[in-house]
Amino acid sequence: MYSNSFSRLAYLIKIEWGKKWKSLIGSALIYMMVIIVAIMNPAQKLSIAIDFFVIHFVIGLTLVFATQLFLLFPEWSAPFKTIQLLQLPAKPVEKYLAKLCFPFLFAPVVFTLIFLVFRPVFLQAALAVKGFMTYPLYQEDINALLQVALIVPLFVGVLFVPGALIFKKVHLLFSFLFCLLLFVLAGLTAQAFQLPAYLTASPSDQSIFGAMEAQLFSVVYFFQFKRIYATLLWCSGIIPIMLCSGYFLFKQREI
């Protein structure tokens, strides 16, 4: 019936959609209500909030994306469901791609569309609140939001993919702690060898916190002023490594 990879992949995505559409759309709609409550809340006493919509878009996208990333491989916590997933008549790469579609494709697309649909409601609610001044999203703002919707999942979410296959429970927390450990080790290395990253901090601060501060500033500087090199490093190194390691971890379970 499903003689080629495309049809099998489409069928697997359809199965995943049936399992996850409620969590995806539901979490997006809940955050739409959060935005409206935040606008109407008189306790804010905001006189001007130029970046209100942009900030809430980024926060909401991150939360919805994290929800789908948390549900990336829920089967690992139940042996029977794991066996069902591994025995599906499809190639490992097809099952792997079907899983990745939700956090990396459907989550940003669905959240962005719902946010833009609710945009007039947000604006009317903002205009109804006395003392709350903002402006509607113009075309350049919408373009920036679309870029964020692509950047957040791809450039941040890939770091958590292998953890979803290694840790059976709370993999987001363990993955975050693992990334934090790597960050700390990078700072310690920079401090021990007096690398330029560490030398950006104050010479009087020779503590671990000074190393962390220096490492953070070096990363920020690298991405702000060396964008071409940073993008090449991420696209040609980190993203392929994370996605490929996740695939081989998934394939290893089938073996």
Protein backbone atom coordinates (compact mmCIF):
# COMPACT_ATOMS: atom_id res chain seq x y z
CA MET A 1 0.00 0.00 0.00
CA TYR A 2 2.79 2.42 0.95
CA SER A 3 5.38 1.46 -1.63
CA ASN A 4 7.66 4.48 -1.39
CA SER A 5 9.31 6.50 1.36
CA PHE A 6 7.21 9.61 0.76
CA SER A 7 3.90 7.83 1.24
CA ARG A 8 5.17 5.98 4.31
CA LEU A 9 6.51 9.22 5.78
CA ALA A 10 3.19 10.96 5.12
CA TYR A 11 1.35 8.11 6.84
CA LEU A 12 3.66 8.26 9.87
CA ILE A 13 3.16 12.04 10.10
CA LYS A 14 -0.59 11.48 9.96
CA ILE A 15 -0.31 9.06 12.88
CA GLU A 16 1.78 11.53 14.86
CA TRP A 17 -0.66 14.34 14.08
CA GLY A 18 -3.49 12.26 15.53
CA LYS A 19 -1.50 11.85 18.74
CA LYS A 20 -0.15 15.36 19.16
CA TRP A 21 -2.46 17.89 17.51
CA LYS A 22 -4.36 18.54 20.75
CA SER A 23 -1.19 19.34 22.70
CA LEU A 24 0.13 21.51 19.85
CA ILE A 25 -2.95 23.60 19.15
CA GLY A 26 -4.07 23.55 22.77
CA SER A 27 -0.79 24.93 24.11
CA ALA A 28 -0.78 27.63 21.42
CA LEU A 29 -4.36 28.70 22.23
CA ILE A 30 -3.63 28.73 25.96
CA TYR A 31 -0.76 31.12 25.38
CA MET A 32 -3.02 33.34 23.27
CA MET A 33 -5.22 33.67 26.37
CA VAL A 34 -2.14 34.44 28.44
CA ILE A 35 -1.30 37.34 26.13
CA ILE A 36 -4.82 38.77 26.38
CA VAL A 37 -4.76 38.49 30.18
CA ALA A 38 -1.34 40.18 30.23
CA ILE A 39 -2.69 43.04 28.12
CA MET A 40 -5.84 43.55 30.19
CA ASN A 41 -4.11 43.21 33.56
CA PRO A 42 -4.24 46.70 35.13
CA ALA A 43 -1.50 45.77 37.62
CA GLN A 44 1.09 46.28 34.88
CA LYS A 45 0.47 50.04 34.68
CA LEU A 46 2.45 50.15 31.47
CA SER A 47 2.71 53.51 29.80
CA ILE A 48 4.36 52.16 26.66
CA ALA A 49 5.14 48.66 25.44
CA ILE A 50 6.62 48.83 21.96
CA ASP A 51 8.02 45.29 21.93
CA PHE A 52 5.13 43.68 23.80
CA PHE A 53 3.91 41.51 20.92
CA VAL A 54 7.41 40.54 19.83
CA ILE A 55 8.46 39.52 23.34
CA HIS A 56 5.34 37.44 23.89
CA PHE A 57 5.71 35.82 20.50
CA VAL A 58 9.21 34.64 21.35
CA ILE A 59 8.19 33.40 24.81
CA GLY A 60 5.10 31.64 23.49
CA LEU A 61 6.94 30.03 20.60
CA THR A 62 9.63 28.79 22.99
CA LEU A 63 7.04 27.26 25.36
CA VAL A 64 5.03 25.58 22.58
CA PHE A 65 8.23 24.34 20.96
CA ALA A 66 9.50 23.01 24.30
CA THR A 67 6.20 21.19 24.82
CA GLN A 68 6.57 19.37 21.51
CA LEU A 69 10.22 18.70 22.20
CA PHE A 70 9.25 17.19 25.55
CA LEU A 71 6.81 14.90 23.69
CA LEU A 72 9.35 13.99 21.01
CA PHE A 73 9.72 10.33 22.04
CA PRO A 74 7.14 9.62 24.76
CA GLU A 75 7.29 5.93 23.89
CA TRP A 76 10.61 5.44 25.72
CA SER A 77 8.87 5.58 29.11
CA ALA A 78 6.63 2.61 28.23
CA PRO A 79 8.26 -0.62 26.91
CA PHE A 80 5.10 -1.75 25.07
CA LYS A 81 4.79 1.56 23.19
CA THR A 82 8.51 1.42 22.40
CA ILE A 83 8.08 -2.00 20.80
CA GLN A 84 5.09 -0.73 18.82
CA LEU A 85 7.10 2.19 17.47
CA LEU A 86 10.11 0.10 16.55
CA GLN A 87 7.97 -2.52 14.79
CA LEU A 88 6.17 -0.07 12.52
CA PRO A 89 6.70 -1.16 8.88
CA ALA A 90 8.88 1.78 7.90
CA LYS A 91 12.55 2.66 7.74
CA PRO A 92 14.22 4.14 10.85
CA VAL A 93 14.95 7.40 9.03
CA GLU A 94 11.26 7.74 8.09
CA LYS A 95 10.13 7.26 11.69
CA TYR A 96 12.83 9.63 12.91
CA LEU A 97 11.85 12.37 10.45
CA ALA A 98 8.16 11.94 11.29
CA LYS A 99 8.99 12.56 14.94
CA LEU A 100 11.13 15.63 14.21
CA CYS A 101 8.38 17.23 12.11
CA PHE A 102 6.39 18.26 15.16
CA PRO A 103 8.87 20.33 17.16
CA PHE A 104 10.84 21.61 14.16
CA LEU A 105 8.09 22.16 11.58
CA PHE A 106 4.54 22.03 12.88
CA ALA A 107 5.14 23.78 16.22
CA PRO A 108 6.64 27.01 14.77
CA VAL A 109 4.28 27.07 11.78
CA VAL A 110 1.09 26.45 13.76
CA PHE A 111 2.02 28.85 16.55
CA THR A 112 2.95 31.61 14.08
CA LEU A 113 -0.31 31.22 12.15
CA ILE A 114 -2.43 31.24 15.33
CA PHE A 115 -0.52 34.27 16.64
CA LEU A 116 -1.11 36.21 13.41
CA VAL A 117 -4.82 35.27 13.44
CA PHE A 118 -5.14 36.59 17.01
CA ARG A 119 -3.10 39.71 16.24
CA PRO A 120 -6.13 42.00 15.61
CA VAL A 121 -7.69 40.80 18.88
CA PHE A 122 -4.49 41.62 20.76
CA LEU A 123 -4.37 45.09 19.24
CA GLN A 124 -7.99 45.86 20.09
CA ALA A 125 -7.43 44.66 23.65
CA ALA A 126 -4.33 46.86 23.93
CA LEU A 127 -6.21 49.89 22.64
CA ALA A 128 -8.97 49.26 25.19
CA VAL A 129 -6.57 49.51 28.13
CA LYS A 130 -6.02 53.08 29.27
CA GLY A 131 -2.37 54.02 29.40
CA PHE A 132 -1.23 51.00 27.39
CA MET A 133 0.46 52.13 24.18
CA THR A 134 1.75 49.80 21.53
CA TYR A 135 1.58 49.56 17.77
CA PRO A 136 0.36 46.89 15.35
CA LEU A 137 2.88 44.58 13.79
CA TYR A 138 4.08 45.94 10.48
CA GLN A 139 5.44 43.87 7.63
CA GLU A 140 9.03 44.12 8.85
CA ASP A 141 7.90 42.97 12.29
CA ILE A 142 6.10 39.99 10.82
CA ASN A 143 9.21 39.12 8.80
CA ALA A 144 11.27 39.26 12.00
CA LEU A 145 8.79 36.97 13.77
CA LEU A 146 8.97 34.47 10.93
CA GLN A 147 12.75 34.48 11.16
CA VAL A 148 12.55 33.83 14.91
CA ALA A 149 10.12 30.97 14.25
CA LEU A 150 12.80 29.37 12.07
CA ILE A 151 15.82 30.20 14.23
CA VAL A 152 14.58 29.14 17.67
CA PRO A 153 13.78 25.49 16.83
CA LEU A 154 16.70 24.92 14.49
CA PHE A 155 19.49 26.69 16.35
CA VAL A 156 18.42 25.84 19.90
CA GLY A 157 16.22 22.76 19.73
CA VAL A 158 18.78 20.55 18.02
CA LEU A 159 20.81 20.55 21.25
CA PHE A 160 18.03 18.58 22.97
CA VAL A 161 17.38 15.91 20.33
CA PRO A 162 19.99 13.34 21.46
CA GLY A 163 18.84 13.72 25.07
CA ALA A 164 15.32 12.70 24.07
CA LEU A 165 16.74 9.34 23.00
CA ILE A 166 19.15 8.90 25.91
CA PHE A 167 16.98 9.88 28.88
CA LYS A 168 13.63 8.16 29.37
CA LYS A 169 12.17 10.83 31.65
CA VAL A 170 12.52 14.62 32.00
CA HIS A 171 15.00 14.59 29.13
CA LEU A 172 14.71 18.36 28.66
CA LEU A 173 16.01 18.97 32.17
CA PHE A 174 18.86 16.48 31.83
CA SER A 175 19.74 17.80 28.37
CA PHE A 176 19.80 21.35 29.71
CA LEU A 177 22.02 20.30 32.61
CA PHE A 178 24.33 18.50 30.18
CA CYS A 179 24.61 21.61 27.96
CA LEU A 180 25.20 23.69 31.09
CA LEU A 181 27.97 21.29 32.13
CA LEU A 182 29.62 21.70 28.73
CA PHE A 183 29.35 25.46 29.13
CA VAL A 184 30.99 25.30 32.57
CA LEU A 185 33.77 23.07 31.25
CA ALA A 186 34.35 25.50 28.40
CA GLY A 187 34.65 28.31 30.91
CA LEU A 188 37.04 26.33 33.09
CA THR A 189 39.17 25.52 30.06
CA ALA A 190 39.19 29.17 29.03
CA GLN A 191 40.25 30.14 32.54
CA ALA A 192 42.92 27.45 32.88
CA PHE A 193 44.62 28.24 29.57
CA GLN A 194 43.93 31.98 29.61
CA LEU A 195 42.16 31.85 26.27
CA PRO A 196 40.90 35.06 24.70
CA ALA A 197 37.36 34.13 25.71
CA TYR A 198 38.37 34.34 29.36
CA LEU A 199 40.48 37.44 28.91
CA THR A 200 37.36 39.41 27.96
CA ALA A 201 36.39 39.40 31.63
CA SER A 202 37.80 41.65 34.33
CA PRO A 203 41.40 40.62 35.21
CA SER A 204 40.59 41.05 38.90
CA ASP A 205 37.88 38.39 38.77
CA GLN A 206 39.67 35.04 38.68
CA SER A 207 36.73 33.01 39.98
CA ILE A 208 34.58 30.42 38.23
CA PHE A 209 31.91 33.11 37.80
CA GLY A 210 34.44 35.29 36.01
CA ALA A 211 35.14 32.43 33.64
CA MET A 212 31.44 31.94 33.00
CA GLU A 213 30.91 35.65 32.40
CA ALA A 214 33.84 35.76 30.01
CA GLN A 215 32.60 32.72 28.14
CA LEU A 216 29.12 34.20 27.83
CA PHE A 217 30.42 37.52 26.54
CA SER A 218 32.63 35.76 24.04
CA VAL A 219 29.69 33.76 22.68
CA VAL A 220 27.53 36.89 22.44
CA TYR A 221 30.36 38.76 20.71
CA PHE A 222 30.91 35.86 18.32
CA PHE A 223 27.27 35.72 17.24
CA GLN A 224 26.87 39.49 17.04
CA PHE A 225 29.96 40.43 15.09
CA LYS A 226 30.98 37.16 13.45
CA ARG A 227 27.59 36.08 12.19
CA ILE A 228 28.86 34.45 9.03
CA TYR A 229 31.34 32.28 10.92
CA ALA A 230 28.84 31.53 13.67
CA THR A 231 26.19 30.46 11.16
CA LEU A 232 28.68 28.30 9.28
CA LEU A 233 29.81 26.68 12.53
CA TRP A 234 26.26 25.92 13.59
CA CYS A 235 24.93 24.80 10.20
CA SER A 236 27.96 22.76 9.16
CA GLY A 237 28.91 21.40 12.57
CA ILE A 238 26.53 21.51 15.52
CA ILE A 239 23.20 20.96 13.72
CA PRO A 240 24.38 17.95 11.64
CA ILE A 241 26.14 16.42 14.66
CA MET A 242 23.07 16.70 16.88
CA LEU A 243 20.62 15.42 14.27
CA CYS A 244 22.87 12.59 13.09
CA SER A 245 23.70 11.47 16.63
CA GLY A 246 19.97 11.44 17.40
CA TYR A 247 19.29 9.32 14.34
CA PHE A 248 21.99 6.77 15.16
CA LEU A 249 20.76 6.57 18.76
CA PHE A 250 17.26 5.89 17.42
CA LYS A 251 18.53 3.33 14.93
CA GLN A 252 20.57 1.61 17.64
CA ARG A 253 17.39 0.94 19.60
CA GLU A 254 15.91 -0.89 16.60
CA ILE A 255 19.00 -3.05 16.34
